[in-house]
Amino acid sequence: MKYLTRTLCLTLLLSPLAQASSEAAWQQHDENLQQACVQASGLKAVKVVGKPIMYDDSVGYDALLLEGRYPQKHMKNQLGRELCLYQRQSGKAVVSEADQLRVVK
């Protein structure tokens, strides 16, 4: 009985640790997110603005704001922003124009 109680207590104490992601896993996720969003962008000289917005696992998406220059001739190299939505499960990213979003510094 003592063995069962000890095992149960140890399992309960260690179970939250098993659920946590490692620092390396989070860094890899951030790299994948940024790379997918930059590749999906239509802007030139694109860069990440700010930090990603991480939604709950029930949503399964992260958001990232990008900034760069419009490559179209008629846009005259104007500064532009895009909002990237990254689906964690598939690793796919889609972007949409987001010039109306402002960055507060």
PDB file of N, CA and C in Angstrom:
ATOM      1  N   MET A   1       0.816  -1.190   0.000  1.00  0.00           N
ATOM      2  CA  MET A   1       0.000   0.000   0.000  1.00  0.00           C
ATOM      3  C   MET A   1       0.865   1.260   0.000  1.00  0.00           C
ATOM      4  N   LYS A   2       1.964   1.244   0.785  1.00  0.00           N
ATOM      5  CA  LYS A   2       2.846   2.396   0.824  1.00  0.00           C
ATOM      6  C   LYS A   2       3.477   2.639  -0.544  1.00  0.00           C
ATOM      7  N   TYR A   3       3.829   1.546  -1.224  1.00  0.00           N
ATOM      8  CA  TYR A   3       4.447   1.656  -2.548  1.00  0.00           C
ATOM      9  C   TYR A   3       3.471   2.306  -3.531  1.00  0.00           C
ATOM     10  N   LEU A   4       2.218   1.904  -3.477  1.00  0.00           N
ATOM     11  CA  LEU A   4       1.198   2.457  -4.358  1.00  0.00           C
ATOM     12  C   LEU A   4       0.989   3.949  -4.079  1.00  0.00           C
ATOM     13  N   THR A   5       0.958   4.322  -2.836  1.00  0.00           N
ATOM     14  CA  THR A   5       0.778   5.718  -2.456  1.00  0.00           C
ATOM     15  C   THR A   5       1.953   6.567  -2.922  1.00  0.00           C
ATOM     16  N   ARG A   6       3.160   6.063  -2.713  1.00  0.00           N
ATOM     17  CA  ARG A   6       4.360   6.798  -3.158  1.00  0.00           C
ATOM     18  C   ARG A   6       4.363   6.962  -4.672  1.00  0.00           C
ATOM     19  N   THR A   7       4.039   5.894  -5.377  1.00  0.00           N
ATOM     20  CA  THR A   7       4.027   5.945  -6.841  1.00  0.00           C
ATOM     21  C   THR A   7       2.984   6.943  -7.331  1.00  0.00           C
ATOM     22  N   LEU A   8       1.826   6.932  -6.733  1.00  0.00           N
ATOM     23  CA  LEU A   8       0.759   7.856  -7.110  1.00  0.00           C
ATOM     24  C   LEU A   8       1.168   9.301  -6.843  1.00  0.00           C
ATOM     25  N   CYS A   9       1.746   9.569  -5.702  1.00  0.00           N
ATOM     26  CA  CYS A   9       2.200  10.929  -5.369  1.00  0.00           C
ATOM     27  C   CYS A   9       3.298  11.394  -6.328  1.00  0.00           C
ATOM     28  N   LEU A  10       4.237  10.536  -6.615  1.00  0.00           N
ATOM     29  CA  LEU A  10       5.320  10.879  -7.533  1.00  0.00           C
ATOM     30  C   LEU A  10       4.788  11.154  -8.937  1.00  0.00           C
ATOM     31  N   THR A  11       3.856  10.351  -9.377  1.00  0.00           N
ATOM     32  CA  THR A  11       3.247  10.550 -10.698  1.00  0.00           C
ATOM     33  C   THR A  11       2.518  11.879 -10.764  1.00  0.00           C
ATOM     34  N   LEU A  12       1.771  12.208  -9.734  1.00  0.00           N
ATOM     35  CA  LEU A  12       1.043  13.477  -9.708  1.00  0.00           C
ATOM     36  C   LEU A  12       1.982  14.677  -9.677  1.00  0.00           C
ATOM     37  N   LEU A  13       3.091  14.548  -8.986  1.00  0.00           N
ATOM     38  CA  LEU A  13       4.045  15.649  -8.901  1.00  0.00           C
ATOM     39  C   LEU A  13       4.794  15.876 -10.210  1.00  0.00           C
ATOM     40  N   LEU A  14       5.096  14.812 -10.918  1.00  0.00           N
ATOM     41  CA  LEU A  14       5.892  14.921 -12.133  1.00  0.00           C
ATOM     42  C   LEU A  14       5.068  15.101 -13.399  1.00  0.00           C
ATOM     43  N   SER A  15       3.777  14.865 -13.359  1.00  0.00           N
ATOM     44  CA  SER A  15       2.973  14.938 -14.576  1.00  0.00           C
ATOM     45  C   SER A  15       2.942  16.333 -15.206  1.00  0.00           C
ATOM     46  N   PRO A  16       2.908  17.439 -14.458  1.00  0.00           N
ATOM     47  CA  PRO A  16       2.955  18.744 -15.125  1.00  0.00           C
ATOM     48  C   PRO A  16       4.270  18.981 -15.863  1.00  0.00           C
ATOM     49  N   LEU A  17       5.358  18.420 -15.379  1.00  0.00           N
ATOM     50  CA  LEU A  17       6.646  18.595 -16.036  1.00  0.00           C
ATOM     51  C   LEU A  17       6.684  17.886 -17.383  1.00  0.00           C
ATOM     52  N   ALA A  18       5.987  16.803 -17.501  1.00  0.00           N
ATOM     53  CA  ALA A  18       5.986  16.048 -18.749  1.00  0.00           C
ATOM     54  C   ALA A  18       5.224  16.795 -19.847  1.00  0.00           C
ATOM     55  N   GLN A  19       4.318  17.666 -19.483  1.00  0.00           N
ATOM     56  CA  GLN A  19       3.498  18.390 -20.437  1.00  0.00           C
ATOM     57  C   GLN A  19       4.199  19.625 -21.006  1.00  0.00           C
ATOM     58  N   ALA A  20       5.181  20.136 -20.334  1.00  0.00           N
ATOM     59  CA  ALA A  20       5.823  21.385 -20.738  1.00  0.00           C
ATOM     60  C   ALA A  20       6.749  21.163 -21.931  1.00  0.00           C
ATOM     61  N   SER A  21       6.786  22.159 -22.831  1.00  0.00           N
ATOM     62  CA  SER A  21       7.704  22.108 -23.970  1.00  0.00           C
ATOM     63  C   SER A  21       9.051  22.672 -23.553  1.00  0.00           C
ATOM     64  N   SER A  22      10.090  22.175 -24.179  1.00  0.00           N
ATOM     65  CA  SER A  22      11.429  22.642 -23.849  1.00  0.00           C
ATOM     66  C   SER A  22      11.679  24.008 -24.491  1.00  0.00           C
ATOM     67  N   GLU A  23      12.681  24.679 -23.999  1.00  0.00           N
ATOM     68  CA  GLU A  23      13.071  25.981 -24.558  1.00  0.00           C
ATOM     69  C   GLU A  23      13.492  25.825 -26.014  1.00  0.00           C
ATOM     70  N   ALA A  24      14.177  24.745 -26.324  1.00  0.00           N
ATOM     71  CA  ALA A  24      14.602  24.494 -27.708  1.00  0.00           C
ATOM     72  C   ALA A  24      13.395  24.294 -28.623  1.00  0.00           C
ATOM     73  N   ALA A  25      12.354  23.638 -28.125  1.00  0.00           N
ATOM     74  CA  ALA A  25      11.146  23.429 -28.930  1.00  0.00           C
ATOM     75  C   ALA A  25      10.458  24.756 -29.228  1.00  0.00           C
ATOM     76  N   TRP A  26      10.420  25.664 -28.243  1.00  0.00           N
ATOM     77  CA  TRP A  26       9.813  26.987 -28.470  1.00  0.00           C
ATOM     78  C   TRP A  26      10.636  27.799 -29.455  1.00  0.00           C
ATOM     79  N   GLN A  27      11.950  27.717 -29.370  1.00  0.00           N
ATOM     80  CA  GLN A  27      12.810  28.434 -30.316  1.00  0.00           C
ATOM     81  C   GLN A  27      12.618  27.910 -31.729  1.00  0.00           C
ATOM     82  N   GLN A  28      12.503  26.599 -31.868  1.00  0.00           N
ATOM     83  CA  GLN A  28      12.275  26.002 -33.187  1.00  0.00           C
ATOM     84  C   GLN A  28      10.917  26.445 -33.737  1.00  0.00           C
ATOM     85  N   HIS A  29       9.914  26.490 -32.874  1.00  0.00           N
ATOM     86  CA  HIS A  29       8.587  26.952 -33.290  1.00  0.00           C
ATOM     87  C   HIS A  29       8.655  28.397 -33.789  1.00  0.00           C
ATOM     88  N   ASP A  30       9.337  29.260 -33.046  1.00  0.00           N
ATOM     89  CA  ASP A  30       9.461  30.660 -33.447  1.00  0.00           C
ATOM     90  C   ASP A  30      10.175  30.799 -34.795  1.00  0.00           C
ATOM     91  N   GLU A  31      11.217  30.003 -35.001  1.00  0.00           N
ATOM     92  CA  GLU A  31      11.931  30.033 -36.280  1.00  0.00           C
ATOM     93  C   GLU A  31      11.028  29.581 -37.423  1.00  0.00           C
ATOM     94  N   ASN A  32      10.281  28.490 -37.197  1.00  0.00           N
ATOM     95  CA  ASN A  32       9.363  27.992 -38.217  1.00  0.00           C
ATOM     96  C   ASN A  32       8.284  29.026 -38.539  1.00  0.00           C
ATOM     97  N   LEU A  33       7.753  29.649 -37.514  1.00  0.00           N
ATOM     98  CA  LEU A  33       6.729  30.691 -37.674  1.00  0.00           C
ATOM     99  C   LEU A  33       7.255  31.844 -38.507  1.00  0.00           C
ATOM    100  N   GLN A  34       8.398  32.363 -38.141  1.00  0.00           N
ATOM    101  CA  GLN A  34       8.963  33.504 -38.861  1.00  0.00           C
ATOM    102  C   GLN A  34       9.310  33.151 -40.297  1.00  0.00           C
ATOM    103  N   GLN A  35       9.917  31.994 -40.498  1.00  0.00           N
ATOM    104  CA  GLN A  35      10.312  31.582 -41.850  1.00  0.00           C
ATOM    105  C   GLN A  35       9.086  31.408 -42.748  1.00  0.00           C
ATOM    106  N   ALA A  36       8.051  30.754 -42.253  1.00  0.00           N
ATOM    107  CA  ALA A  36       6.845  30.534 -43.048  1.00  0.00           C
ATOM    108  C   ALA A  36       6.159  31.851 -43.383  1.00  0.00           C
ATOM    109  N   CYS A  37       6.102  32.778 -42.420  1.00  0.00           N
ATOM    110  CA  CYS A  37       5.449  34.062 -42.655  1.00  0.00           C
ATOM    111  C   CYS A  37       6.232  34.923 -43.646  1.00  0.00           C
ATOM    112  N   VAL A  38       7.537  34.950 -43.519  1.00  0.00           N
ATOM    113  CA  VAL A  38       8.364  35.740 -44.444  1.00  0.00           C
ATOM    114  C   VAL A  38       8.233  35.185 -45.854  1.00  0.00           C
ATOM    115  N   GLN A  39       8.205  33.858 -46.006  1.00  0.00           N
ATOM    116  CA  GLN A  39       8.062  33.250 -47.324  1.00  0.00           C
ATOM    117  C   GLN A  39       6.691  33.517 -47.937  1.00  0.00           C
ATOM    118  N   ALA A  40       5.663  33.608 -47.105  1.00  0.00           N
ATOM    119  CA  ALA A  40       4.310  33.856 -47.601  1.00  0.00           C
ATOM    120  C   ALA A  40       4.082  35.321 -47.954  1.00  0.00           C
ATOM    121  N   SER A  41       4.933  36.181 -47.467  1.00  0.00           N
ATOM    122  CA  SER A  41       4.765  37.624 -47.665  1.00  0.00           C
ATOM    123  C   SER A  41       5.021  38.025 -49.113  1.00  0.00           C
ATOM    124  N   GLY A  42       4.304  39.047 -49.537  1.00  0.00           N
ATOM    125  CA  GLY A  42       4.526  39.612 -50.858  1.00  0.00           C
ATOM    126  C   GLY A  42       5.374  40.864 -50.809  1.00  0.00           C
ATOM    127  N   LEU A  43       5.844  41.236 -49.648  1.00  0.00           N
ATOM    128  CA  LEU A  43       6.658  42.437 -49.482  1.00  0.00           C
ATOM    129  C   LEU A  43       8.130  42.132 -49.722  1.00  0.00           C
ATOM    130  N   LYS A  44       8.885  43.147 -50.107  1.00  0.00           N
ATOM    131  CA  LYS A  44      10.336  42.964 -50.227  1.00  0.00           C
ATOM    132  C   LYS A  44      11.000  43.577 -48.997  1.00  0.00           C
ATOM    133  N   ALA A  45      12.174  43.109 -48.693  1.00  0.00           N
ATOM    134  CA  ALA A  45      12.907  43.531 -47.489  1.00  0.00           C
ATOM    135  C   ALA A  45      12.009  43.387 -46.258  1.00  0.00           C
ATOM    136  N   VAL A  46      11.296  42.278 -46.202  1.00  0.00           N
ATOM    137  CA  VAL A  46      10.325  42.061 -45.135  1.00  0.00           C
ATOM    138  C   VAL A  46      11.032  41.731 -43.824  1.00  0.00           C
ATOM    139  N   LYS A  47      10.468  42.246 -42.724  1.00  0.00           N
ATOM    140  CA  LYS A  47      10.990  41.949 -41.393  1.00  0.00           C
ATOM    141  C   LYS A  47       9.826  41.772 -40.427  1.00  0.00           C
ATOM    142  N   VAL A  48      10.090  41.087 -39.357  1.00  0.00           N
ATOM    143  CA  VAL A  48       9.096  40.846 -38.319  1.00  0.00           C
ATOM    144  C   VAL A  48       9.016  42.078 -37.421  1.00  0.00           C
ATOM    145  N   VAL A  49       7.788  42.489 -37.123  1.00  0.00           N
ATOM    146  CA  VAL A  49       7.572  43.632 -36.242  1.00  0.00           C
ATOM    147  C   VAL A  49       6.947  43.116 -34.947  1.00  0.00           C
ATOM    148  N   GLY A  50       7.603  43.344 -33.838  1.00  0.00           N
ATOM    149  CA  GLY A  50       7.068  42.917 -32.553  1.00  0.00           C
ATOM    150  C   GLY A  50       7.210  41.426 -32.324  1.00  0.00           C
ATOM    151  N   LYS A  51       6.414  40.939 -31.391  1.00  0.00           N
ATOM    152  CA  LYS A  51       6.450  39.533 -31.003  1.00  0.00           C
ATOM    153  C   LYS A  51       5.190  38.838 -31.507  1.00  0.00           C
ATOM    154  N   PRO A  52       5.279  37.524 -31.695  1.00  0.00           N
ATOM    155  CA  PRO A  52       4.097  36.801 -32.158  1.00  0.00           C
ATOM    156  C   PRO A  52       2.993  36.787 -31.110  1.00  0.00           C
ATOM    157  N   ILE A  53       1.765  36.684 -31.582  1.00  0.00           N
ATOM    158  CA  ILE A  53       0.604  36.508 -30.713  1.00  0.00           C
ATOM    159  C   ILE A  53       0.273  35.027 -30.761  1.00  0.00           C
ATOM    160  N   MET A  54       0.389  34.369 -29.624  1.00  0.00           N
ATOM    161  CA  MET A  54       0.158  32.932 -29.542  1.00  0.00           C
ATOM    162  C   MET A  54      -1.263  32.678 -29.036  1.00  0.00           C
ATOM    163  N   TYR A  55      -2.085  32.120 -29.900  1.00  0.00           N
ATOM    164  CA  TYR A  55      -3.446  31.797 -29.508  1.00  0.00           C
ATOM    165  C   TYR A  55      -3.487  30.435 -28.825  1.00  0.00           C
ATOM    166  N   ASP A  56      -4.567  30.189 -28.142  1.00  0.00           N
ATOM    167  CA  ASP A  56      -4.797  28.943 -27.430  1.00  0.00           C
ATOM    168  C   ASP A  56      -4.759  27.757 -28.401  1.00  0.00           C
ATOM    169  N   ASP A  57      -4.441  26.581 -27.885  1.00  0.00           N
ATOM    170  CA  ASP A  57      -4.378  25.384 -28.718  1.00  0.00           C
ATOM    171  C   ASP A  57      -5.722  25.056 -29.362  1.00  0.00           C
ATOM    172  N   SER A  58      -6.819  25.491 -28.766  1.00  0.00           N
ATOM    173  CA  SER A  58      -8.130  25.226 -29.364  1.00  0.00           C
ATOM    174  C   SER A  58      -8.297  25.982 -30.681  1.00  0.00           C
ATOM    175  N   VAL A  59      -7.573  27.080 -30.848  1.00  0.00           N
ATOM    176  CA  VAL A  59      -7.601  27.858 -32.089  1.00  0.00           C
ATOM    177  C   VAL A  59      -6.556  27.301 -33.060  1.00  0.00           C
ATOM    178  N   GLY A  60      -5.353  27.056 -32.566  1.00  0.00           N
ATOM    179  CA  GLY A  60      -4.315  26.442 -33.378  1.00  0.00           C
ATOM    180  C   GLY A  60      -3.546  27.377 -34.294  1.00  0.00           C
ATOM    181  N   TYR A  61      -3.697  28.666 -34.091  1.00  0.00           N
ATOM    182  CA  TYR A  61      -3.005  29.641 -34.926  1.00  0.00           C
ATOM    183  C   TYR A  61      -2.152  30.576 -34.077  1.00  0.00           C
ATOM    184  N   ASP A  62      -1.133  31.139 -34.709  1.00  0.00           N
ATOM    185  CA  ASP A  62      -0.351  32.226 -34.140  1.00  0.00           C
ATOM    186  C   ASP A  62      -0.390  33.354 -35.163  1.00  0.00           C
ATOM    187  N   ALA A  63      -0.242  34.586 -34.703  1.00  0.00           N
ATOM    188  CA  ALA A  63      -0.259  35.746 -35.590  1.00  0.00           C
ATOM    189  C   ALA A  63       1.056  36.499 -35.460  1.00  0.00           C
ATOM    190  N   LEU A  64       1.480  37.077 -36.582  1.00  0.00           N
ATOM    191  CA  LEU A  64       2.738  37.797 -36.625  1.00  0.00           C
ATOM    192  C   LEU A  64       2.581  38.987 -37.567  1.00  0.00           C
ATOM    193  N   LEU A  65       3.050  40.138 -37.141  1.00  0.00           N
ATOM    194  CA  LEU A  65       2.984  41.333 -37.976  1.00  0.00           C
ATOM    195  C   LEU A  65       4.301  41.487 -38.727  1.00  0.00           C
ATOM    196  N   LEU A  66       4.186  41.721 -40.037  1.00  0.00           N
ATOM    197  CA  LEU A  66       5.343  41.884 -40.907  1.00  0.00           C
ATOM    198  C   LEU A  66       5.347  43.288 -41.496  1.00  0.00           C
ATOM    199  N   GLU A  67       6.530  43.764 -41.814  1.00  0.00           N
ATOM    200  CA  GLU A  67       6.662  45.090 -42.423  1.00  0.00           C
ATOM    201  C   GLU A  67       7.727  45.010 -43.515  1.00  0.00           C
ATOM    202  N   GLY A  68       7.470  45.703 -44.601  1.00  0.00           N
ATOM    203  CA  GLY A  68       8.414  45.722 -45.709  1.00  0.00           C
ATOM    204  C   GLY A  68       7.988  46.762 -46.732  1.00  0.00           C
ATOM    205  N   ARG A  69       8.491  46.623 -47.929  1.00  0.00           N
ATOM    206  CA  ARG A  69       8.198  47.563 -49.010  1.00  0.00           C
ATOM    207  C   ARG A  69       7.405  46.851 -50.099  1.00  0.00           C
ATOM    208  N   TYR A  70       6.393  47.556 -50.644  1.00  0.00           N
ATOM    209  CA  TYR A  70       5.613  46.994 -51.745  1.00  0.00           C
ATOM    210  C   TYR A  70       6.484  46.926 -52.999  1.00  0.00           C
ATOM    211  N   PRO A  71       6.543  45.769 -53.651  1.00  0.00           N
ATOM    212  CA  PRO A  71       7.409  45.623 -54.822  1.00  0.00           C
ATOM    213  C   PRO A  71       6.790  46.162 -56.123  1.00  0.00           C
ATOM    214  N   GLN A  72       5.466  46.398 -56.124  1.00  0.00           N
ATOM    215  CA  GLN A  72       4.808  46.859 -57.338  1.00  0.00           C
ATOM    216  C   GLN A  72       5.282  48.264 -57.706  1.00  0.00           C
ATOM    217  N   LYS A  73       5.472  48.469 -58.995  1.00  0.00           N
ATOM    218  CA  LYS A  73       6.006  49.739 -59.485  1.00  0.00           C
ATOM    219  C   LYS A  73       5.100  50.918 -59.102  1.00  0.00           C
ATOM    220  N   HIS A  74       3.798  50.721 -59.221  1.00  0.00           N
ATOM    221  CA  HIS A  74       2.864  51.811 -58.918  1.00  0.00           C
ATOM    222  C   HIS A  74       2.814  52.158 -57.420  1.00  0.00           C
ATOM    223  N   MET A  75       3.318  51.272 -56.574  1.00  0.00           N
ATOM    224  CA  MET A  75       3.329  51.547 -55.120  1.00  0.00           C
ATOM    225  C   MET A  75       4.557  52.367 -54.724  1.00  0.00           C
ATOM    226  N   LYS A  76       5.489  52.537 -55.638  1.00  0.00           N
ATOM    227  CA  LYS A  76       6.653  53.406 -55.450  1.00  0.00           C
ATOM    228  C   LYS A  76       7.440  53.101 -54.177  1.00  0.00           C
ATOM    229  N   ASN A  77       7.646  51.789 -53.924  1.00  0.00           N
ATOM    230  CA  ASN A  77       8.465  51.360 -52.786  1.00  0.00           C
ATOM    231  C   ASN A  77       7.896  51.798 -51.433  1.00  0.00           C
ATOM    232  N   GLN A  78       6.585  51.981 -51.389  1.00  0.00           N
ATOM    233  CA  GLN A  78       5.912  52.435 -50.170  1.00  0.00           C
ATOM    234  C   GLN A  78       5.991  51.379 -49.071  1.00  0.00           C
ATOM    235  N   LEU A  79       6.103  51.838 -47.825  1.00  0.00           N
ATOM    236  CA  LEU A  79       6.130  50.956 -46.662  1.00  0.00           C
ATOM    237  C   LEU A  79       4.769  50.291 -46.494  1.00  0.00           C
ATOM    238  N   GLY A  80       4.774  48.999 -46.217  1.00  0.00           N
ATOM    239  CA  GLY A  80       3.521  48.275 -46.013  1.00  0.00           C
ATOM    240  C   GLY A  80       3.628  47.275 -44.881  1.00  0.00           C
ATOM    241  N   ARG A  81       2.462  46.863 -44.406  1.00  0.00           N
ATOM    242  CA  ARG A  81       2.393  45.866 -43.335  1.00  0.00           C
ATOM    243  C   ARG A  81       1.461  44.739 -43.757  1.00  0.00           C
ATOM    244  N   GLU A  82       1.777  43.555 -43.271  1.00  0.00           N
ATOM    245  CA  GLU A  82       0.934  42.387 -43.492  1.00  0.00           C
ATOM    246  C   GLU A  82       0.776  41.651 -42.166  1.00  0.00           C
ATOM    247  N   LEU A  83      -0.403  41.091 -41.967  1.00  0.00           N
ATOM    248  CA  LEU A  83      -0.646  40.239 -40.812  1.00  0.00           C
ATOM    249  C   LEU A  83      -0.578  38.797 -41.292  1.00  0.00           C
ATOM    250  N   CYS A  84       0.251  38.015 -40.645  1.00  0.00           N
ATOM    251  CA  CYS A  84       0.439  36.615 -41.007  1.00  0.00           C
ATOM    252  C   CYS A  84      -0.244  35.738 -39.966  1.00  0.00           C
ATOM    253  N   LEU A  85      -1.040  34.785 -40.441  1.00  0.00           N
ATOM    254  CA  LEU A  85      -1.616  33.766 -39.578  1.00  0.00           C
ATOM    255  C   LEU A  85      -0.923  32.450 -39.889  1.00  0.00           C
ATOM    256  N   TYR A  86      -0.372  31.843 -38.862  1.00  0.00           N
ATOM    257  CA  TYR A  86       0.406  30.611 -38.990  1.00  0.00           C
ATOM    258  C   TYR A  86      -0.345  29.480 -38.301  1.00  0.00           C
ATOM    259  N   GLN A  87      -0.677  28.448 -39.076  1.00  0.00           N
ATOM    260  CA  GLN A  87      -1.350  27.291 -38.508  1.00  0.00           C
ATOM    261  C   GLN A  87      -0.290  26.330 -37.970  1.00  0.00           C
ATOM    262  N   ARG A  88      -0.295  26.149 -36.659  1.00  0.00           N
ATOM    263  CA  ARG A  88       0.749  25.351 -36.019  1.00  0.00           C
ATOM    264  C   ARG A  88       0.766  23.901 -36.499  1.00  0.00           C
ATOM    265  N   GLN A  89      -0.390  23.298 -36.667  1.00  0.00           N
ATOM    266  CA  GLN A  89      -0.429  21.877 -37.003  1.00  0.00           C
ATOM    267  C   GLN A  89       0.129  21.596 -38.399  1.00  0.00           C
ATOM    268  N   SER A  90      -0.222  22.434 -39.365  1.00  0.00           N
ATOM    269  CA  SER A  90       0.227  22.182 -40.739  1.00  0.00           C
ATOM    270  C   SER A  90       1.516  22.922 -41.086  1.00  0.00           C
ATOM    271  N   GLY A  91       1.826  23.990 -40.340  1.00  0.00           N
ATOM    272  CA  GLY A  91       3.004  24.796 -40.644  1.00  0.00           C
ATOM    273  C   GLY A  91       2.787  25.761 -41.793  1.00  0.00           C
ATOM    274  N   LYS A  92       1.530  25.946 -42.203  1.00  0.00           N
ATOM    275  CA  LYS A  92       1.220  26.851 -43.308  1.00  0.00           C
ATOM    276  C   LYS A  92       0.949  28.253 -42.799  1.00  0.00           C
ATOM    277  N   ALA A  93       1.333  29.225 -43.621  1.00  0.00           N
ATOM    278  CA  ALA A  93       1.132  30.629 -43.271  1.00  0.00           C
ATOM    279  C   ALA A  93       0.369  31.323 -44.394  1.00  0.00           C
ATOM    280  N   VAL A  94      -0.518  32.227 -44.012  1.00  0.00           N
ATOM    281  CA  VAL A  94      -1.222  33.073 -44.970  1.00  0.00           C
ATOM    282  C   VAL A  94      -1.097  34.512 -44.491  1.00  0.00           C
ATOM    283  N   VAL A  95      -1.015  35.439 -45.444  1.00  0.00           N
ATOM    284  CA  VAL A  95      -0.859  36.846 -45.092  1.00  0.00           C
ATOM    285  C   VAL A  95      -1.995  37.665 -45.682  1.00  0.00           C
ATOM    286  N   SER A  96      -2.255  38.772 -45.038  1.00  0.00           N
ATOM    287  CA  SER A  96      -3.254  39.721 -45.509  1.00  0.00           C
ATOM    288  C   SER A  96      -2.733  41.125 -45.244  1.00  0.00           C
ATOM    289  N   GLU A  97      -3.069  42.042 -46.142  1.00  0.00           N
ATOM    290  CA  GLU A  97      -2.635  43.427 -45.968  1.00  0.00           C
ATOM    291  C   GLU A  97      -3.122  43.961 -44.622  1.00  0.00           C
ATOM    292  N   ALA A  98      -2.255  44.667 -43.933  1.00  0.00           N
ATOM    293  CA  ALA A  98      -2.587  45.183 -42.607  1.00  0.00           C
ATOM    294  C   ALA A  98      -1.988  46.578 -42.406  1.00  0.00           C
ATOM    295  N   ASP A  99      -2.037  47.391 -43.452  1.00  0.00           N
ATOM    296  CA  ASP A  99      -1.463  48.741 -43.353  1.00  0.00           C
ATOM    297  C   ASP A  99      -2.129  49.576 -42.268  1.00  0.00           C
ATOM    298  N   GLN A 100      -3.373  49.258 -41.938  1.00  0.00           N
ATOM    299  CA  GLN A 100      -4.099  50.030 -40.929  1.00  0.00           C
ATOM    300  C   GLN A 100      -3.647  49.727 -39.505  1.00  0.00           C
ATOM    301  N   LEU A 101      -2.917  48.643 -39.301  1.00  0.00           N
ATOM    302  CA  LEU A 101      -2.425  48.317 -37.965  1.00  0.00           C
ATOM    303  C   LEU A 101      -1.235  49.214 -37.633  1.00  0.00           C
ATOM    304  N   ARG A 102      -1.247  49.756 -36.453  1.00  0.00           N
ATOM    305  CA  ARG A 102      -0.158  50.622 -36.028  1.00  0.00           C
ATOM    306  C   ARG A 102       0.692  49.915 -35.000  1.00  0.00           C
ATOM    307  N   VAL A 103       1.950  50.237 -35.023  1.00  0.00           N
ATOM    308  CA  VAL A 103       2.886  49.685 -34.060  1.00  0.00           C
ATOM    309  C   VAL A 103       3.142  50.752 -33.003  1.00  0.00           C
ATOM    310  N   VAL A 104       2.857  50.430 -31.762  1.00  0.00           N
ATOM    311  CA  VAL A 104       3.092  51.349 -30.662  1.00  0.00           C
ATOM    312  C   VAL A 104       4.459  51.059 -30.094  1.00  0.00           C
ATOM    313  N   LYS A 105       5.281  52.089 -30.026  1.00  0.00           N
ATOM    314  CA  LYS A 105       6.647  51.885 -29.512  1.00  0.00           C
ATOM    315  C   LYS A 105       6.833  52.576 -28.206  1.00  0.00           C
TER     316      LYS A 105
END
